[in-house]
Amino acid sequence: RVKEHEDKLFVEAFATQMKLKDVELLDRFVLDEVYYVVRSKDKMYWFNKDFSRYGQQDFISKEGVLEEFDDLGYDVGYGVYDDQIVFTFEKSVHYVFLDVETLEKVFEFGGSDNVVE
């Protein structure tokens, strides 16, 4: 509950700073630091917790990849890798990140069963 409240405050602060309306939190992601991925209208934005880095791109739904990878037991979400929004696929100790536009694998760590190729 505390994290949810904190996340809401960070999203509201980012929306105010960027003058965005109707901002929806899509995901909170932690790799080397905490990142947030949000949506406003037809754009997605990412930012780190101290607001020192951020970016934007057109919104791309995860619904298409969700169906395919959810059946394989992966938790599907959004994340940030190399200053871009990626789809994240997590299953126990296996992590795969795909570029949201090209669906190319940009990062993989851990287990080898059901590896995405």
PDB file of N, CA and C in Angstrom:
ATOM      1  N   ARG A   1       0.806  -1.196   0.000  1.00  0.00           N
ATOM      2  CA  ARG A   1       0.000   0.000   0.000  1.00  0.00           C
ATOM      3  C   ARG A   1       0.853   1.267   0.000  1.00  0.00           C
ATOM      4  N   VAL A   2       1.915   1.259   0.752  1.00  0.00           N
ATOM      5  CA  VAL A   2       2.801   2.418   0.790  1.00  0.00           C
ATOM      6  C   VAL A   2       3.420   2.648  -0.584  1.00  0.00           C
ATOM      7  N   LYS A   3       3.859   1.548  -1.239  1.00  0.00           N
ATOM      8  CA  LYS A   3       4.445   1.672  -2.583  1.00  0.00           C
ATOM      9  C   LYS A   3       3.427   2.230  -3.574  1.00  0.00           C
ATOM     10  N   GLU A   4       2.176   1.763  -3.479  1.00  0.00           N
ATOM     11  CA  GLU A   4       1.142   2.246  -4.394  1.00  0.00           C
ATOM     12  C   GLU A   4       0.940   3.746  -4.238  1.00  0.00           C
ATOM     13  N   HIS A   5       0.908   4.211  -2.992  1.00  0.00           N
ATOM     14  CA  HIS A   5       0.743   5.642  -2.735  1.00  0.00           C
ATOM     15  C   HIS A   5       1.961   6.413  -3.252  1.00  0.00           C
ATOM     16  N   GLU A   6       3.146   5.888  -2.983  1.00  0.00           N
ATOM     17  CA  GLU A   6       4.377   6.524  -3.464  1.00  0.00           C
ATOM     18  C   GLU A   6       4.402   6.570  -4.990  1.00  0.00           C
ATOM     19  N   ASP A   7       4.028   5.459  -5.631  1.00  0.00           N
ATOM     20  CA  ASP A   7       3.987   5.412  -7.096  1.00  0.00           C
ATOM     21  C   ASP A   7       3.041   6.478  -7.642  1.00  0.00           C
ATOM     22  N   LYS A   8       1.872   6.599  -7.027  1.00  0.00           N
ATOM     23  CA  LYS A   8       0.883   7.587  -7.463  1.00  0.00           C
ATOM     24  C   LYS A   8       1.463   8.999  -7.379  1.00  0.00           C
ATOM     25  N   LEU A   9       2.185   9.291  -6.297  1.00  0.00           N
ATOM     26  CA  LEU A   9       2.791  10.616  -6.137  1.00  0.00           C
ATOM     27  C   LEU A   9       3.846  10.888  -7.214  1.00  0.00           C
ATOM     28  N   PHE A  10       4.672   9.884  -7.524  1.00  0.00           N
ATOM     29  CA  PHE A  10       5.682  10.055  -8.575  1.00  0.00           C
ATOM     30  C   PHE A  10       5.027  10.279  -9.935  1.00  0.00           C
ATOM     31  N   VAL A  11       3.979   9.522 -10.228  1.00  0.00           N
ATOM     32  CA  VAL A  11       3.282   9.667 -11.510  1.00  0.00           C
ATOM     33  C   VAL A  11       2.634  11.048 -11.604  1.00  0.00           C
ATOM     34  N   GLU A  12       1.995  11.495 -10.528  1.00  0.00           N
ATOM     35  CA  GLU A  12       1.375  12.824 -10.524  1.00  0.00           C
ATOM     36  C   GLU A  12       2.420  13.923 -10.710  1.00  0.00           C
ATOM     37  N   ALA A  13       3.563  13.788 -10.046  1.00  0.00           N
ATOM     38  CA  ALA A  13       4.632  14.786 -10.177  1.00  0.00           C
ATOM     39  C   ALA A  13       5.161  14.831 -11.610  1.00  0.00           C
ATOM     40  N   PHE A  14       5.350  13.662 -12.222  1.00  0.00           N
ATOM     41  CA  PHE A  14       5.825  13.610 -13.606  1.00  0.00           C
ATOM     42  C   PHE A  14       4.793  14.235 -14.545  1.00  0.00           C
ATOM     43  N   ALA A  15       3.516  13.895 -14.342  1.00  0.00           N
ATOM     44  CA  ALA A  15       2.452  14.444 -15.189  1.00  0.00           C
ATOM     45  C   ALA A  15       2.416  15.966 -15.089  1.00  0.00           C
ATOM     46  N   THR A  16       2.569  16.489 -13.892  1.00  0.00           N
ATOM     47  CA  THR A  16       2.581  17.940 -13.692  1.00  0.00           C
ATOM     48  C   THR A  16       3.785  18.566 -14.386  1.00  0.00           C
ATOM     49  N   GLN A  17       4.953  17.969 -14.191  1.00  0.00           N
ATOM     50  CA  GLN A  17       6.191  18.484 -14.794  1.00  0.00           C
ATOM     51  C   GLN A  17       6.105  18.501 -16.320  1.00  0.00           C
ATOM     52  N   MET A  18       5.508  17.453 -16.894  1.00  0.00           N
ATOM     53  CA  MET A  18       5.432  17.326 -18.354  1.00  0.00           C
ATOM     54  C   MET A  18       4.134  17.901 -18.936  1.00  0.00           C
ATOM     55  N   LYS A  19       3.259  18.421 -18.059  1.00  0.00           N
ATOM     56  CA  LYS A  19       1.964  18.991 -18.465  1.00  0.00           C
ATOM     57  C   LYS A  19       1.112  17.972 -19.214  1.00  0.00           C
ATOM     58  N   LEU A  20       1.007  16.776 -18.646  1.00  0.00           N
ATOM     59  CA  LEU A  20       0.226  15.691 -19.239  1.00  0.00           C
ATOM     60  C   LEU A  20      -1.124  15.581 -18.542  1.00  0.00           C
ATOM     61  N   LYS A  21      -2.123  15.146 -19.282  1.00  0.00           N
ATOM     62  CA  LYS A  21      -3.468  14.935 -18.737  1.00  0.00           C
ATOM     63  C   LYS A  21      -3.807  13.450 -18.796  1.00  0.00           C
ATOM     64  N   ASP A  22      -4.662  13.019 -17.882  1.00  0.00           N
ATOM     65  CA  ASP A  22      -5.172  11.640 -17.869  1.00  0.00           C
ATOM     66  C   ASP A  22      -4.050  10.612 -17.970  1.00  0.00           C
ATOM     67  N   VAL A  23      -3.123  10.671 -17.040  1.00  0.00           N
ATOM     68  CA  VAL A  23      -1.966   9.775 -17.044  1.00  0.00           C
ATOM     69  C   VAL A  23      -2.309   8.484 -16.306  1.00  0.00           C
ATOM     70  N   GLU A  24      -1.977   7.365 -16.937  1.00  0.00           N
ATOM     71  CA  GLU A  24      -2.226   6.036 -16.373  1.00  0.00           C
ATOM     72  C   GLU A  24      -0.888   5.333 -16.157  1.00  0.00           C
ATOM     73  N   LEU A  25      -0.677   4.809 -14.959  1.00  0.00           N
ATOM     74  CA  LEU A  25       0.526   4.026 -14.679  1.00  0.00           C
ATOM     75  C   LEU A  25       0.387   2.665 -15.345  1.00  0.00           C
ATOM     76  N   LEU A  26       1.296   2.353 -16.258  1.00  0.00           N
ATOM     77  CA  LEU A  26       1.293   1.052 -16.924  1.00  0.00           C
ATOM     78  C   LEU A  26       2.137   0.041 -16.165  1.00  0.00           C
ATOM     79  N   ASP A  27       3.280   0.488 -15.628  1.00  0.00           N
ATOM     80  CA  ASP A  27       4.153  -0.435 -14.909  1.00  0.00           C
ATOM     81  C   ASP A  27       5.185   0.319 -14.089  1.00  0.00           C
ATOM     82  N   ARG A  28       5.592  -0.319 -13.003  1.00  0.00           N
ATOM     83  CA  ARG A  28       6.728   0.120 -12.185  1.00  0.00           C
ATOM     84  C   ARG A  28       7.775  -0.960 -12.387  1.00  0.00           C
ATOM     85  N   PHE A  29       8.978  -0.569 -12.739  1.00  0.00           N
ATOM     86  CA  PHE A  29       9.986  -1.529 -13.157  1.00  0.00           C
ATOM     87  C   PHE A  29      11.293  -1.244 -12.433  1.00  0.00           C
ATOM     88  N   VAL A  30      11.944  -2.302 -11.943  1.00  0.00           N
ATOM     89  CA  VAL A  30      13.223  -2.142 -11.247  1.00  0.00           C
ATOM     90  C   VAL A  30      14.258  -3.042 -11.909  1.00  0.00           C
ATOM     91  N   LEU A  31      15.352  -2.434 -12.365  1.00  0.00           N
ATOM     92  CA  LEU A  31      16.495  -3.193 -12.862  1.00  0.00           C
ATOM     93  C   LEU A  31      17.724  -2.637 -12.158  1.00  0.00           C
ATOM     94  N   ASP A  32      18.312  -1.606 -12.694  1.00  0.00           N
ATOM     95  CA  ASP A  32      19.425  -0.938 -12.020  1.00  0.00           C
ATOM     96  C   ASP A  32      18.923   0.199 -11.138  1.00  0.00           C
ATOM     97  N   GLU A  33      17.711   0.671 -11.392  1.00  0.00           N
ATOM     98  CA  GLU A  33      17.039   1.681 -10.579  1.00  0.00           C
ATOM     99  C   GLU A  33      15.539   1.553 -10.833  1.00  0.00           C
ATOM    100  N   VAL A  34      14.745   2.356 -10.143  1.00  0.00           N
ATOM    101  CA  VAL A  34      13.293   2.300 -10.296  1.00  0.00           C
ATOM    102  C   VAL A  34      12.882   3.161 -11.489  1.00  0.00           C
ATOM    103  N   TYR A  35      12.060   2.579 -12.357  1.00  0.00           N
ATOM    104  CA  TYR A  35      11.506   3.283 -13.510  1.00  0.00           C
ATOM    105  C   TYR A  35       9.987   3.168 -13.470  1.00  0.00           C
ATOM    106  N   TYR A  36       9.326   4.154 -14.038  1.00  0.00           N
ATOM    107  CA  TYR A  36       7.883   4.118 -14.217  1.00  0.00           C
ATOM    108  C   TYR A  36       7.589   4.226 -15.700  1.00  0.00           C
ATOM    109  N   VAL A  37       6.577   3.485 -16.159  1.00  0.00           N
ATOM    110  CA  VAL A  37       6.098   3.583 -17.528  1.00  0.00           C
ATOM    111  C   VAL A  37       4.637   4.007 -17.425  1.00  0.00           C
ATOM    112  N   VAL A  38       4.299   5.126 -18.071  1.00  0.00           N
ATOM    113  CA  VAL A  38       2.950   5.673 -17.990  1.00  0.00           C
ATOM    114  C   VAL A  38       2.417   5.937 -19.395  1.00  0.00           C
ATOM    115  N   ARG A  39       1.099   6.117 -19.455  1.00  0.00           N
ATOM    116  CA  ARG A  39       0.446   6.415 -20.732  1.00  0.00           C
ATOM    117  C   ARG A  39      -0.383   7.679 -20.578  1.00  0.00           C
ATOM    118  N   SER A  40      -0.342   8.510 -21.596  1.00  0.00           N
ATOM    119  CA  SER A  40      -1.230   9.663 -21.708  1.00  0.00           C
ATOM    120  C   SER A  40      -1.671   9.736 -23.160  1.00  0.00           C
ATOM    121  N   LYS A  41      -2.947   9.502 -23.374  1.00  0.00           N
ATOM    122  CA  LYS A  41      -3.521   9.467 -24.724  1.00  0.00           C
ATOM    123  C   LYS A  41      -2.816   8.416 -25.576  1.00  0.00           C
ATOM    124  N   ASP A  42      -2.188   8.835 -26.682  1.00  0.00           N
ATOM    125  CA  ASP A  42      -1.564   7.862 -27.588  1.00  0.00           C
ATOM    126  C   ASP A  42      -0.048   7.792 -27.425  1.00  0.00           C
ATOM    127  N   LYS A  43       0.471   8.266 -26.291  1.00  0.00           N
ATOM    128  CA  LYS A  43       1.915   8.248 -26.024  1.00  0.00           C
ATOM    129  C   LYS A  43       2.219   7.464 -24.748  1.00  0.00           C
ATOM    130  N   MET A  44       3.402   6.845 -24.729  1.00  0.00           N
ATOM    131  CA  MET A  44       3.928   6.209 -23.520  1.00  0.00           C
ATOM    132  C   MET A  44       5.157   7.002 -23.115  1.00  0.00           C
ATOM    133  N   TYR A  45       5.326   7.141 -21.807  1.00  0.00           N
ATOM    134  CA  TYR A  45       6.473   7.856 -21.262  1.00  0.00           C
ATOM    135  C   TYR A  45       7.145   6.964 -20.238  1.00  0.00           C
ATOM    136  N   TRP A  46       8.451   7.081 -20.125  1.00  0.00           N
ATOM    137  CA  TRP A  46       9.172   6.399 -19.053  1.00  0.00           C
ATOM    138  C   TRP A  46       9.993   7.451 -18.321  1.00  0.00           C
ATOM    139  N   PHE A  47      10.203   7.213 -17.027  1.00  0.00           N
ATOM    140  CA  PHE A  47      11.058   8.108 -16.251  1.00  0.00           C
ATOM    141  C   PHE A  47      11.616   7.355 -15.058  1.00  0.00           C
ATOM    142  N   ASN A  48      12.779   7.820 -14.584  1.00  0.00           N
ATOM    143  CA  ASN A  48      13.351   7.203 -13.392  1.00  0.00           C
ATOM    144  C   ASN A  48      12.865   7.963 -12.160  1.00  0.00           C
ATOM    145  N   LYS A  49      13.103   7.375 -11.015  1.00  0.00           N
ATOM    146  CA  LYS A  49      12.519   7.874  -9.772  1.00  0.00           C
ATOM    147  C   LYS A  49      12.978   9.281  -9.414  1.00  0.00           C
ATOM    148  N   ASP A  50      14.186   9.673  -9.797  1.00  0.00           N
ATOM    149  CA  ASP A  50      14.633  11.030  -9.455  1.00  0.00           C
ATOM    150  C   ASP A  50      14.423  12.022 -10.612  1.00  0.00           C
ATOM    151  N   PHE A  51      13.681  11.599 -11.643  1.00  0.00           N
ATOM    152  CA  PHE A  51      13.303  12.448 -12.780  1.00  0.00           C
ATOM    153  C   PHE A  51      14.502  12.963 -13.581  1.00  0.00           C
ATOM    154  N   SER A  52      15.660  12.335 -13.444  1.00  0.00           N
ATOM    155  CA  SER A  52      16.842  12.802 -14.175  1.00  0.00           C
ATOM    156  C   SER A  52      16.898  12.250 -15.601  1.00  0.00           C
ATOM    157  N   ARG A  53      16.113  11.200 -15.878  1.00  0.00           N
ATOM    158  CA  ARG A  53      16.085  10.601 -17.222  1.00  0.00           C
ATOM    159  C   ARG A  53      14.643  10.254 -17.566  1.00  0.00           C
ATOM    160  N   TYR A  54      14.260  10.539 -18.796  1.00  0.00           N
ATOM    161  CA  TYR A  54      12.914  10.195 -19.238  1.00  0.00           C
ATOM    162  C   TYR A  54      12.867  10.175 -20.758  1.00  0.00           C
ATOM    163  N   GLY A  55      11.814   9.585 -21.291  1.00  0.00           N
ATOM    164  CA  GLY A  55      11.639   9.526 -22.733  1.00  0.00           C
ATOM    165  C   GLY A  55      10.192   9.249 -23.075  1.00  0.00           C
ATOM    166  N   GLN A  56       9.880   9.286 -24.360  1.00  0.00           N
ATOM    167  CA  GLN A  56       8.514   9.024 -24.806  1.00  0.00           C
ATOM    168  C   GLN A  56       8.522   8.317 -26.149  1.00  0.00           C
ATOM    169  N   GLN A  57       7.422   7.677 -26.454  1.00  0.00           N
ATOM    170  CA  GLN A  57       7.213   7.067 -27.761  1.00  0.00           C
ATOM    171  C   GLN A  57       5.727   6.818 -27.925  1.00  0.00           C
ATOM    172  N   ASP A  58       5.311   6.425 -29.112  1.00  0.00           N
ATOM    173  CA  ASP A  58       3.909   6.112 -29.348  1.00  0.00           C
ATOM    174  C   ASP A  58       3.494   4.928 -28.490  1.00  0.00           C
ATOM    175  N   PHE A  59       2.226   4.937 -28.049  1.00  0.00           N
ATOM    176  CA  PHE A  59       1.715   3.836 -27.240  1.00  0.00           C
ATOM    177  C   PHE A  59       1.629   2.568 -28.077  1.00  0.00           C
ATOM    178  N   ILE A  60       2.116   1.474 -27.511  1.00  0.00           N
ATOM    179  CA  ILE A  60       1.991   0.148 -28.111  1.00  0.00           C
ATOM    180  C   ILE A  60       1.445  -0.777 -27.035  1.00  0.00           C
ATOM    181  N   SER A  61       0.289  -1.360 -27.299  1.00  0.00           N
ATOM    182  CA  SER A  61      -0.362  -2.237 -26.333  1.00  0.00           C
ATOM    183  C   SER A  61       0.411  -3.542 -26.187  1.00  0.00           C
ATOM    184  N   LYS A  62       0.365  -4.097 -24.989  1.00  0.00           N
ATOM    185  CA  LYS A  62       1.017  -5.392 -24.770  1.00  0.00           C
ATOM    186  C   LYS A  62       0.060  -6.553 -25.017  1.00  0.00           C
ATOM    187  N   GLU A  63      -1.166  -6.262 -25.421  1.00  0.00           N
ATOM    188  CA  GLU A  63      -2.174  -7.312 -25.581  1.00  0.00           C
ATOM    189  C   GLU A  63      -1.751  -8.402 -26.563  1.00  0.00           C
ATOM    190  N   GLY A  64      -1.148  -8.034 -27.682  1.00  0.00           N
ATOM    191  CA  GLY A  64      -0.735  -9.029 -28.675  1.00  0.00           C
ATOM    192  C   GLY A  64       0.284 -10.015 -28.136  1.00  0.00           C
ATOM    193  N   VAL A  65       1.271  -9.518 -27.416  1.00  0.00           N
ATOM    194  CA  VAL A  65       2.293 -10.407 -26.864  1.00  0.00           C
ATOM    195  C   VAL A  65       1.823 -11.058 -25.571  1.00  0.00           C
ATOM    196  N   LEU A  66       0.871 -10.422 -24.903  1.00  0.00           N
ATOM    197  CA  LEU A  66       0.362 -10.956 -23.640  1.00  0.00           C
ATOM    198  C   LEU A  66      -0.230 -12.345 -23.827  1.00  0.00           C
ATOM    199  N   GLU A  67      -1.053 -12.499 -24.845  1.00  0.00           N
ATOM    200  CA  GLU A  67      -1.704 -13.785 -25.090  1.00  0.00           C
ATOM    201  C   GLU A  67      -0.685 -14.895 -25.327  1.00  0.00           C
ATOM    202  N   GLU A  68       0.307 -14.607 -26.143  1.00  0.00           N
ATOM    203  CA  GLU A  68       1.301 -15.618 -26.504  1.00  0.00           C
ATOM    204  C   GLU A  68       2.160 -16.039 -25.315  1.00  0.00           C
ATOM    205  N   PHE A  69       2.652 -15.082 -24.547  1.00  0.00           N
ATOM    206  CA  PHE A  69       3.602 -15.389 -23.482  1.00  0.00           C
ATOM    207  C   PHE A  69       2.939 -15.725 -22.154  1.00  0.00           C
ATOM    208  N   ASP A  70       1.719 -15.238 -21.949  1.00  0.00           N
ATOM    209  CA  ASP A  70       0.986 -15.578 -20.739  1.00  0.00           C
ATOM    210  C   ASP A  70       0.730 -17.086 -20.696  1.00  0.00           C
ATOM    211  N   ASP A  71       0.447 -17.668 -21.855  1.00  0.00           N
ATOM    212  CA  ASP A  71       0.223 -19.116 -21.941  1.00  0.00           C
ATOM    213  C   ASP A  71       1.480 -19.911 -21.591  1.00  0.00           C
ATOM    214  N   LEU A  72       2.662 -19.311 -21.751  1.00  0.00           N
ATOM    215  CA  LEU A  72       3.922 -19.980 -21.415  1.00  0.00           C
ATOM    216  C   LEU A  72       4.314 -19.772 -19.955  1.00  0.00           C
ATOM    217  N   GLY A  73       3.463 -19.070 -19.198  1.00  0.00           N
ATOM    218  CA  GLY A  73       3.730 -18.873 -17.776  1.00  0.00           C
ATOM    219  C   GLY A  73       4.536 -17.639 -17.438  1.00  0.00           C
ATOM    220  N   TYR A  74       4.725 -16.745 -18.394  1.00  0.00           N
ATOM    221  CA  TYR A  74       5.476 -15.514 -18.145  1.00  0.00           C
ATOM    222  C   TYR A  74       4.544 -14.415 -17.650  1.00  0.00           C
ATOM    223  N   ASP A  75       5.031 -13.594 -16.722  1.00  0.00           N
ATOM    224  CA  ASP A  75       4.362 -12.349 -16.366  1.00  0.00           C
ATOM    225  C   ASP A  75       4.824 -11.316 -17.380  1.00  0.00           C
ATOM    226  N   VAL A  76       3.872 -10.675 -18.053  1.00  0.00           N
ATOM    227  CA  VAL A  76       4.181  -9.735 -19.122  1.00  0.00           C
ATOM    228  C   VAL A  76       3.956  -8.311 -18.626  1.00  0.00           C
ATOM    229  N   GLY A  77       4.921  -7.434 -18.896  1.00  0.00           N
ATOM    230  CA  GLY A  77       4.780  -6.043 -18.480  1.00  0.00           C
ATOM    231  C   GLY A  77       5.594  -5.121 -19.356  1.00  0.00           C
ATOM    232  N   TYR A  78       5.698  -3.882 -18.905  1.00  0.00           N
ATOM    233  CA  TYR A  78       6.549  -2.894 -19.557  1.00  0.00           C
ATOM    234  C   TYR A  78       7.749  -2.634 -18.666  1.00  0.00           C
ATOM    235  N   GLY A  79       8.880  -2.334 -19.276  1.00  0.00           N
ATOM    236  CA  GLY A  79      10.076  -1.980 -18.527  1.00  0.00           C
ATOM    237  C   GLY A  79      10.889  -0.972 -19.309  1.00  0.00           C
ATOM    238  N   VAL A  80      12.074  -0.669 -18.797  1.00  0.00           N
ATOM    239  CA  VAL A  80      12.976   0.268 -19.463  1.00  0.00           C
ATOM    240  C   VAL A  80      14.341  -0.390 -19.558  1.00  0.00           C
ATOM    241  N   TYR A  81      14.889  -0.408 -20.764  1.00  0.00           N
ATOM    242  CA  TYR A  81      16.214  -0.968 -21.000  1.00  0.00           C
ATOM    243  C   TYR A  81      16.900  -0.114 -22.054  1.00  0.00           C
ATOM    244  N   ASP A  82      18.111   0.315 -21.767  1.00  0.00           N
ATOM    245  CA  ASP A  82      18.891   1.123 -22.707  1.00  0.00           C
ATOM    246  C   ASP A  82      18.104   2.366 -23.149  1.00  0.00           C
ATOM    247  N   ASP A  83      17.460   3.011 -22.180  1.00  0.00           N
ATOM    248  CA  ASP A  83      16.682   4.241 -22.398  1.00  0.00           C
ATOM    249  C   ASP A  83      15.552   4.083 -23.412  1.00  0.00           C
ATOM    250  N   GLN A  84      14.929   2.924 -23.432  1.00  0.00           N
ATOM    251  CA  GLN A  84      13.749   2.725 -24.265  1.00  0.00           C
ATOM    252  C   GLN A  84      12.774   1.806 -23.542  1.00  0.00           C
ATOM    253  N   ILE A  85      11.502   1.954 -23.876  1.00  0.00           N
ATOM    254  CA  ILE A  85      10.480   1.088 -23.293  1.00  0.00           C
ATOM    255  C   ILE A  85      10.551  -0.267 -23.975  1.00  0.00           C
ATOM    256  N   VAL A  86      10.501  -1.317 -23.168  1.00  0.00           N
ATOM    257  CA  VAL A  86      10.530  -2.690 -23.674  1.00  0.00           C
ATOM    258  C   VAL A  86       9.381  -3.470 -23.056  1.00  0.00           C
ATOM    259  N   PHE A  87       8.992  -4.559 -23.715  1.00  0.00           N
ATOM    260  CA  PHE A  87       8.116  -5.535 -23.082  1.00  0.00           C
ATOM    261  C   PHE A  87       8.990  -6.395 -22.189  1.00  0.00           C
ATOM    262  N   THR A  88       8.524  -6.710 -21.001  1.00  0.00           N
ATOM    263  CA  THR A  88       9.273  -7.590 -20.107  1.00  0.00           C
ATOM    264  C   THR A  88       8.501  -8.891 -19.930  1.00  0.00           C
ATOM    265  N   PHE A  89       9.237  -9.985 -19.895  1.00  0.00           N
ATOM    266  CA  PHE A  89       8.665 -11.311 -19.676  1.00  0.00           C
ATOM    267  C   PHE A  89       9.447 -11.938 -18.543  1.00  0.00           C
ATOM    268  N   GLU A  90       8.767 -12.238 -17.449  1.00  0.00           N
ATOM    269  CA  GLU A  90       9.448 -12.781 -16.277  1.00  0.00           C
ATOM    270  C   GLU A  90       8.787 -14.095 -15.875  1.00  0.00           C
ATOM    271  N   LYS A  91       9.646 -15.082 -15.587  1.00  0.00           N
ATOM    272  CA  LYS A  91       9.170 -16.373 -15.094  1.00  0.00           C
ATOM    273  C   LYS A  91      10.240 -16.911 -14.169  1.00  0.00           C
ATOM    274  N   SER A  92       9.938 -17.042 -12.910  1.00  0.00           N
ATOM    275  CA  SER A  92      10.865 -17.440 -11.840  1.00  0.00           C
ATOM    276  C   SER A  92      12.202 -16.725 -12.004  1.00  0.00           C
ATOM    277  N   VAL A  93      13.214 -17.360 -12.550  1.00  0.00           N
ATOM    278  CA  VAL A  93      14.524 -16.707 -12.691  1.00  0.00           C
ATOM    279  C   VAL A  93      14.902 -16.493 -14.157  1.00  0.00           C
ATOM    280  N   HIS A  94      13.905 -16.344 -15.014  1.00  0.00           N
ATOM    281  CA  HIS A  94      14.155 -16.110 -16.435  1.00  0.00           C
ATOM    282  C   HIS A  94      13.515 -14.781 -16.829  1.00  0.00           C
ATOM    283  N   TYR A  95      14.321 -13.886 -17.390  1.00  0.00           N
ATOM    284  CA  TYR A  95      13.852 -12.565 -17.792  1.00  0.00           C
ATOM    285  C   TYR A  95      14.206 -12.324 -19.248  1.00  0.00           C
ATOM    286  N   VAL A  96      13.232 -11.852 -20.020  1.00  0.00           N
ATOM    287  CA  VAL A  96      13.450 -11.533 -21.428  1.00  0.00           C
ATOM    288  C   VAL A  96      12.845 -10.157 -21.687  1.00  0.00           C
ATOM    289  N   PHE A  97      13.587  -9.286 -22.383  1.00  0.00           N
ATOM    290  CA  PHE A  97      13.087  -7.967 -22.755  1.00  0.00           C
ATOM    291  C   PHE A  97      13.048  -7.887 -24.272  1.00  0.00           C
ATOM    292  N   LEU A  98      11.903  -7.440 -24.828  1.00  0.00           N
ATOM    293  CA  LEU A  98      11.749  -7.258 -26.268  1.00  0.00           C
ATOM    294  C   LEU A  98      11.480  -5.797 -26.579  1.00  0.00           C
ATOM    295  N   ASP A  99      12.074  -5.295 -27.649  1.00  0.00           N
ATOM    296  CA  ASP A  99      11.772  -3.958 -28.142  1.00  0.00           C
ATOM    297  C   ASP A  99      10.280  -3.919 -28.472  1.00  0.00           C
ATOM    298  N   VAL A 100       9.553  -2.885 -28.004  1.00  0.00           N
ATOM    299  CA  VAL A 100       8.108  -2.850 -28.209  1.00  0.00           C
ATOM    300  C   VAL A 100       7.722  -2.641 -29.668  1.00  0.00           C
ATOM    301  N   GLU A 101       8.592  -2.030 -30.450  1.00  0.00           N
ATOM    302  CA  GLU A 101       8.259  -1.765 -31.848  1.00  0.00           C
ATOM    303  C   GLU A 101       8.640  -2.917 -32.765  1.00  0.00           C
ATOM    304  N   THR A 102       9.829  -3.484 -32.581  1.00  0.00           N
ATOM    305  CA  THR A 102      10.320  -4.518 -33.498  1.00  0.00           C
ATOM    306  C   THR A 102      10.137  -5.934 -32.962  1.00  0.00           C
ATOM    307  N   LEU A 103       9.883  -6.060 -31.669  1.00  0.00           N
ATOM    308  CA  LEU A 103       9.799  -7.344 -30.959  1.00  0.00           C
ATOM    309  C   LEU A 103      11.114  -8.115 -30.992  1.00  0.00           C
ATOM    310  N   GLU A 104      12.220  -7.413 -31.254  1.00  0.00           N
ATOM    311  CA  GLU A 104      13.539  -8.040 -31.186  1.00  0.00           C
ATOM    312  C   GLU A 104      13.958  -8.179 -29.731  1.00  0.00           C
ATOM    313  N   LYS A 105      14.623  -9.297 -29.422  1.00  0.00           N
ATOM    314  CA  LYS A 105      15.127  -9.507 -28.074  1.00  0.00           C
ATOM    315  C   LYS A 105      16.293  -8.557 -27.836  1.00  0.00           C
ATOM    316  N   VAL A 106      16.206  -7.754 -26.753  1.00  0.00           N
ATOM    317  CA  VAL A 106      17.285  -6.822 -26.439  1.00  0.00           C
ATOM    318  C   VAL A 106      18.037  -7.224 -25.181  1.00  0.00           C
ATOM    319  N   PHE A 107      17.469  -8.151 -24.399  1.00  0.00           N
ATOM    320  CA  PHE A 107      18.122  -8.579 -23.162  1.00  0.00           C
ATOM    321  C   PHE A 107      17.506  -9.899 -22.722  1.00  0.00           C
ATOM    322  N   GLU A 108      18.342 -10.792 -22.188  1.00  0.00           N
ATOM    323  CA  GLU A 108      17.853 -12.043 -21.607  1.00  0.00           C
ATOM    324  C   GLU A 108      18.769 -12.426 -20.468  1.00  0.00           C
ATOM    325  N   PHE A 109      18.165 -12.903 -19.400  1.00  0.00           N
ATOM    326  CA  PHE A 109      18.934 -13.324 -18.238  1.00  0.00           C
ATOM    327  C   PHE A 109      18.237 -14.506 -17.595  1.00  0.00           C
ATOM    328  N   GLY A 110      19.005 -15.509 -17.199  1.00  0.00           N
ATOM    329  CA  GLY A 110      18.459 -16.603 -16.407  1.00  0.00           C
ATOM    330  C   GLY A 110      18.135 -17.838 -17.203  1.00  0.00           C
ATOM    331  N   GLY A 111      17.128 -18.571 -16.701  1.00  0.00           N
ATOM    332  CA  GLY A 111      16.740 -19.895 -17.171  1.00  0.00           C
ATOM    333  C   GLY A 111      16.675 -20.075 -18.665  1.00  0.00           C
ATOM    334  N   SER A 112      16.634 -21.332 -19.090  1.00  0.00           N
ATOM    335  CA  SER A 112      16.685 -21.612 -20.522  1.00  0.00           C
ATOM    336  C   SER A 112      15.456 -22.344 -21.042  1.00  0.00           C
ATOM    337  N   ASP A 113      14.494 -22.704 -20.168  1.00  0.00           N
ATOM    338  CA  ASP A 113      13.315 -23.395 -20.696  1.00  0.00           C
ATOM    339  C   ASP A 113      12.383 -22.372 -21.335  1.00  0.00           C
ATOM    340  N   ASN A 114      11.764 -22.754 -22.438  1.00  0.00           N
ATOM    341  CA  ASN A 114      10.873 -21.875 -23.190  1.00  0.00           C
ATOM    342  C   ASN A 114      11.546 -20.562 -23.572  1.00  0.00           C
ATOM    343  N   VAL A 115      12.765 -20.642 -24.025  1.00  0.00           N
ATOM    344  CA  VAL A 115      13.504 -19.442 -24.413  1.00  0.00           C
ATOM    345  C   VAL A 115      12.847 -18.816 -25.636  1.00  0.00           C
ATOM    346  N   VAL A 116      12.728 -17.515 -25.623  1.00  0.00           N
ATOM    347  CA  VAL A 116      12.148 -16.778 -26.738  1.00  0.00           C
ATOM    348  C   VAL A 116      13.195 -16.647 -27.831  1.00  0.00           C
ATOM    349  N   GLU A 117      12.853 -17.027 -29.026  1.00  0.00           N
ATOM    350  CA  GLU A 117      13.780 -16.906 -30.166  1.00  0.00           C
ATOM    351  C   GLU A 117      13.165 -16.038 -31.231  1.00  0.00           C
TER     352      GLU A 117
END
